[in-house]
């Protein structure tokens, strides 16, 4: 799976983009004041950046946890054979 572009992180970020794009479309449709519209869109982009960073961090922690558990299991098997 590591060699594929379709990783869990890809799908998580894809979902974030879909939600944030929908928010921007709602703003474009219903907000007519340009100053308010720009402010809301900046906020939506800040949400997008923050959420994607959380996704990256969570993905890194999950990968590190999986590697650590695998290494511990291999060491346990080696120790049990001795």
Protein backbone atom coordinates (compact mmCIF):
# COMPACT_ATOMS: atom_id res chain seq x y z
CA UNK A 1 0.00 0.00 0.00
CA UNK A 2 2.91 2.36 0.61
CA UNK A 3 3.70 2.52 -3.11
CA UNK A 4 0.14 3.52 -4.02
CA UNK A 5 -1.10 7.10 -4.14
CA UNK A 6 -4.41 5.85 -2.74
CA UNK A 7 -3.41 5.76 0.90
CA UNK A 8 -5.69 6.40 3.88
CA UNK A 9 -4.16 9.89 4.07
CA UNK A 10 -5.12 10.55 0.45
CA UNK A 11 -8.75 9.64 1.13
CA UNK A 12 -8.86 11.63 4.38
CA UNK A 13 -7.53 14.73 2.62
CA UNK A 14 -9.88 14.16 -0.32
CA UNK A 15 -12.82 14.20 2.11
CA UNK A 16 -11.51 17.39 3.74
CA UNK A 17 -11.24 19.05 0.33
CA UNK A 18 -14.80 18.05 -0.59
CA UNK A 19 -16.22 19.47 2.65
CA UNK A 20 -14.23 22.70 2.44
CA UNK A 21 -15.09 23.17 -1.25
CA UNK A 22 -18.77 22.76 -0.37
CA UNK A 23 -18.41 25.42 2.32
CA UNK A 24 -16.86 27.78 -0.21
CA UNK A 25 -19.73 27.16 -2.65
CA UNK A 26 -22.26 27.98 0.07
CA UNK A 27 -20.38 31.18 0.81
CA UNK A 28 -20.30 32.10 -2.89
CA UNK A 29 -24.02 31.47 -3.15
CA UNK A 30 -25.33 33.18 -0.04
CA UNK A 31 -22.80 35.84 1.01
CA UNK A 32 -22.93 38.98 -1.10
CA UNK A 33 -20.60 41.33 0.80
CA UNK A 34 -17.10 40.89 -0.64
CA UNK A 35 -15.28 41.73 2.62
CA UNK A 36 -17.28 39.20 4.60
CA UNK A 37 -16.96 36.64 1.81
CA UNK A 38 -13.17 37.01 1.75
CA UNK A 39 -12.97 36.71 5.53
CA UNK A 40 -15.10 33.56 5.61
CA UNK A 41 -13.12 31.99 2.75
CA UNK A 42 -9.85 32.73 4.58
CA UNK A 43 -11.27 31.00 7.64
CA UNK A 44 -12.37 27.99 5.58
CA UNK A 45 -8.86 27.72 4.11
CA UNK A 46 -7.36 27.91 7.60
CA UNK A 47 -9.67 25.06 8.62
CA UNK A 48 -8.55 23.07 5.57
CA UNK A 49 -4.85 23.57 6.39
CA UNK A 50 -5.33 22.71 10.05
CA UNK A 51 -7.35 19.58 9.35
CA UNK A 52 -4.87 18.32 6.77
CA UNK A 53 -2.03 18.84 9.25
CA UNK A 54 -3.96 16.83 11.84
CA UNK A 55 -4.45 14.11 9.20
CA UNK A 56 -0.70 14.06 8.43
CA UNK A 57 0.23 13.89 12.11
CA UNK A 58 -2.28 11.12 12.79
CA UNK A 59 -1.00 9.18 9.78
CA UNK A 60 2.61 9.51 10.97
CA UNK A 61 1.70 8.33 14.47
CA UNK A 62 -0.23 5.37 13.08
CA UNK A 63 2.65 4.36 10.79
CA UNK A 64 5.21 4.67 13.59
CA UNK A 65 3.00 2.66 15.91
CA UNK A 66 2.61 -0.11 13.32
CA UNK A 67 6.37 -0.26 12.72
CA UNK A 68 7.12 -0.32 16.45
CA UNK A 69 4.59 -3.08 17.13
CA UNK A 70 6.00 -5.13 14.24
CA UNK A 71 9.55 -4.72 15.57
CA UNK A 72 8.46 -5.67 19.09
CA UNK A 73 6.65 -8.75 17.79
CA UNK A 74 9.74 -9.84 15.83
CA UNK A 75 11.94 -9.39 18.92
CA UNK A 76 9.45 -11.34 21.03
CA UNK A 77 9.50 -14.22 18.55
CA UNK A 78 13.30 -14.20 18.56
CA UNK A 79 13.39 -14.16 22.35
CA UNK A 80 10.92 -17.03 22.54
CA UNK A 81 13.11 -19.16 20.25
CA UNK A 82 16.16 -18.78 22.50
